[in-house]
């Protein structure tokens, strides 16, 4: 609100019960280091989604609609090939698939270096 709008608003109030004061906030001093710096310990409980990408395939909508139980989809990767580990949808690492006690696992061989985000770009 502008000053004249505030004055007009206040003129409609009961002057005997209204006590109005302007508030003055102190100026913020600039810090030497911009941004907040915290240790990684504060982030240990943040949940992330990890996904192993075994491969991908491109197909027509017609081929997709014909899929049924028992259909086999041939992926673009060979058995035993190094695969990608995705962190919140971004390629994070590469490794090999293992089977341990009938459960799939991934042995990490390489962790990708993070790339800086540019303005307007999402992670």
Protein backbone atom coordinates (compact mmCIF):
# COMPACT_ATOMS: atom_id res chain seq x y z
CA UNK A 1 0.00 0.00 0.00
CA UNK A 2 1.08 3.53 -0.67
CA UNK A 3 1.25 6.12 2.11
CA UNK A 4 -1.98 7.86 0.99
CA UNK A 5 -3.84 4.49 0.86
CA UNK A 6 -2.66 3.71 4.38
CA UNK A 7 -3.84 7.13 5.61
CA UNK A 8 -7.24 6.64 3.96
CA UNK A 9 -7.55 3.14 5.49
CA UNK A 10 -6.60 4.40 8.93
CA UNK A 11 -9.07 7.29 8.78
CA UNK A 12 -11.88 4.72 8.84
CA UNK A 13 -10.63 3.21 12.11
CA UNK A 14 -11.74 4.23 15.59
CA UNK A 15 -8.99 6.70 16.51
CA UNK A 16 -9.42 6.14 20.26
CA UNK A 17 -8.55 2.41 20.13
CA UNK A 18 -6.07 2.36 17.24
CA UNK A 19 -2.39 2.81 17.99
CA UNK A 20 -0.28 2.90 14.87
CA UNK A 21 3.47 3.21 14.63
CA UNK A 22 5.81 2.94 11.69
CA UNK A 23 8.25 0.07 11.94
CA UNK A 24 11.87 0.61 11.00
CA UNK A 25 13.96 -2.48 10.31
CA UNK A 26 17.75 -2.38 10.54
CA UNK A 27 19.73 -2.55 7.32
CA UNK A 28 21.23 -5.92 6.52
CA UNK A 29 25.00 -5.96 6.48
CA UNK A 30 26.53 -7.79 3.54
CA UNK A 31 28.53 -10.84 4.48
CA UNK A 32 31.91 -11.62 3.00
CA UNK A 33 30.80 -15.01 1.62
CA UNK A 34 27.40 -15.05 -0.14
CA UNK A 35 25.15 -18.06 0.39
CA UNK A 36 24.80 -20.52 3.22
CA UNK A 37 27.61 -22.93 3.86
CA UNK A 38 26.82 -26.04 5.86
CA UNK A 39 28.53 -29.36 6.30
CA UNK A 40 27.25 -32.45 4.47
CA UNK A 41 26.28 -33.93 7.85
CA UNK A 42 23.09 -31.83 7.69
CA UNK A 43 22.08 -33.50 4.41
CA UNK A 44 22.57 -37.15 5.39
CA UNK A 45 18.83 -37.74 5.97
CA UNK A 46 17.71 -36.24 2.65
CA UNK A 47 16.02 -38.96 0.58
CA UNK A 48 16.98 -39.44 -3.07
CA UNK A 49 15.79 -41.80 -5.82
CA UNK A 50 18.37 -44.19 -7.25
CA UNK A 51 17.54 -46.18 -10.38
CA UNK A 52 19.62 -48.58 -12.44
CA UNK A 53 19.10 -48.15 -16.15
CA UNK A 54 19.56 -51.53 -17.80
CA UNK A 55 18.95 -50.14 -21.24
CA UNK A 56 16.34 -48.57 -23.45
CA UNK A 57 14.50 -49.22 -26.67
CA UNK A 58 12.50 -47.15 -29.10
CA UNK A 59 9.32 -48.65 -30.51
CA UNK A 60 6.21 -47.54 -32.31
CA UNK A 61 2.98 -47.03 -30.44
CA UNK A 62 1.56 -50.01 -32.33
CA UNK A 63 4.41 -52.25 -31.08
CA UNK A 64 3.88 -50.94 -27.55
CA UNK A 65 0.14 -51.69 -27.67
CA UNK A 66 0.86 -55.28 -28.73
CA UNK A 67 2.90 -55.98 -25.57
CA UNK A 68 1.43 -58.60 -23.29
CA UNK A 69 2.52 -60.89 -20.49
CA UNK A 70 5.50 -62.90 -21.65
CA UNK A 71 6.54 -60.36 -24.31
CA UNK A 72 10.29 -59.90 -24.64
CA UNK A 73 11.73 -56.42 -25.16
CA UNK A 74 15.24 -56.38 -26.58
CA UNK A 75 17.25 -53.56 -24.97
CA UNK A 76 20.15 -51.63 -26.50
CA UNK A 77 22.72 -53.13 -24.10
CA UNK A 78 24.42 -56.52 -24.08
CA UNK A 79 24.48 -58.83 -21.05
CA UNK A 80 27.49 -58.05 -18.87
CA UNK A 81 27.83 -54.53 -20.26
CA UNK A 82 28.45 -51.60 -17.89
CA UNK A 83 25.16 -49.86 -17.03
CA UNK A 84 24.12 -46.46 -15.66
CA UNK A 85 23.06 -45.57 -12.12
CA UNK A 86 20.66 -42.61 -12.06
CA UNK A 87 20.33 -40.23 -9.10
CA UNK A 88 17.02 -38.33 -9.23
CA UNK A 89 16.94 -38.87 -13.00
CA UNK A 90 20.52 -37.74 -13.66
CA UNK A 91 23.32 -40.15 -14.67
CA UNK A 92 25.45 -40.41 -11.56
CA UNK A 93 27.61 -43.53 -11.88
CA UNK A 94 28.31 -46.64 -13.95
CA UNK A 95 28.74 -50.21 -12.86
CA UNK A 96 28.02 -53.87 -13.45
CA UNK A 97 24.98 -55.91 -12.49
CA UNK A 98 25.56 -58.73 -10.03
CA UNK A 99 23.24 -61.39 -8.63
CA UNK A 100 23.76 -61.97 -4.91
CA UNK A 101 21.53 -64.61 -3.27
CA UNK A 102 18.99 -64.27 -6.11
CA UNK A 103 18.85 -60.46 -5.70
CA UNK A 104 20.15 -58.01 -8.30
CA UNK A 105 22.87 -55.62 -7.14
CA UNK A 106 25.14 -53.07 -8.79
CA UNK A 107 28.91 -52.86 -8.32
CA UNK A 108 29.92 -49.25 -8.92
CA UNK A 109 32.96 -48.83 -11.17
CA UNK A 110 32.92 -45.12 -11.92
CA UNK A 111 31.23 -42.05 -10.44
CA UNK A 112 30.50 -39.18 -12.84
CA UNK A 113 31.77 -35.71 -12.05
CA UNK A 114 28.93 -33.29 -11.36
CA UNK A 115 28.35 -30.66 -14.02
CA UNK A 116 27.30 -27.16 -12.97
CA UNK A 117 23.72 -26.12 -13.73
CA UNK A 118 23.15 -23.09 -15.90
CA UNK A 119 20.39 -20.55 -15.25
CA UNK A 120 16.99 -21.82 -16.28
CA UNK A 121 18.19 -25.43 -16.37
CA UNK A 122 16.75 -28.03 -14.01
CA UNK A 123 18.71 -30.86 -12.42
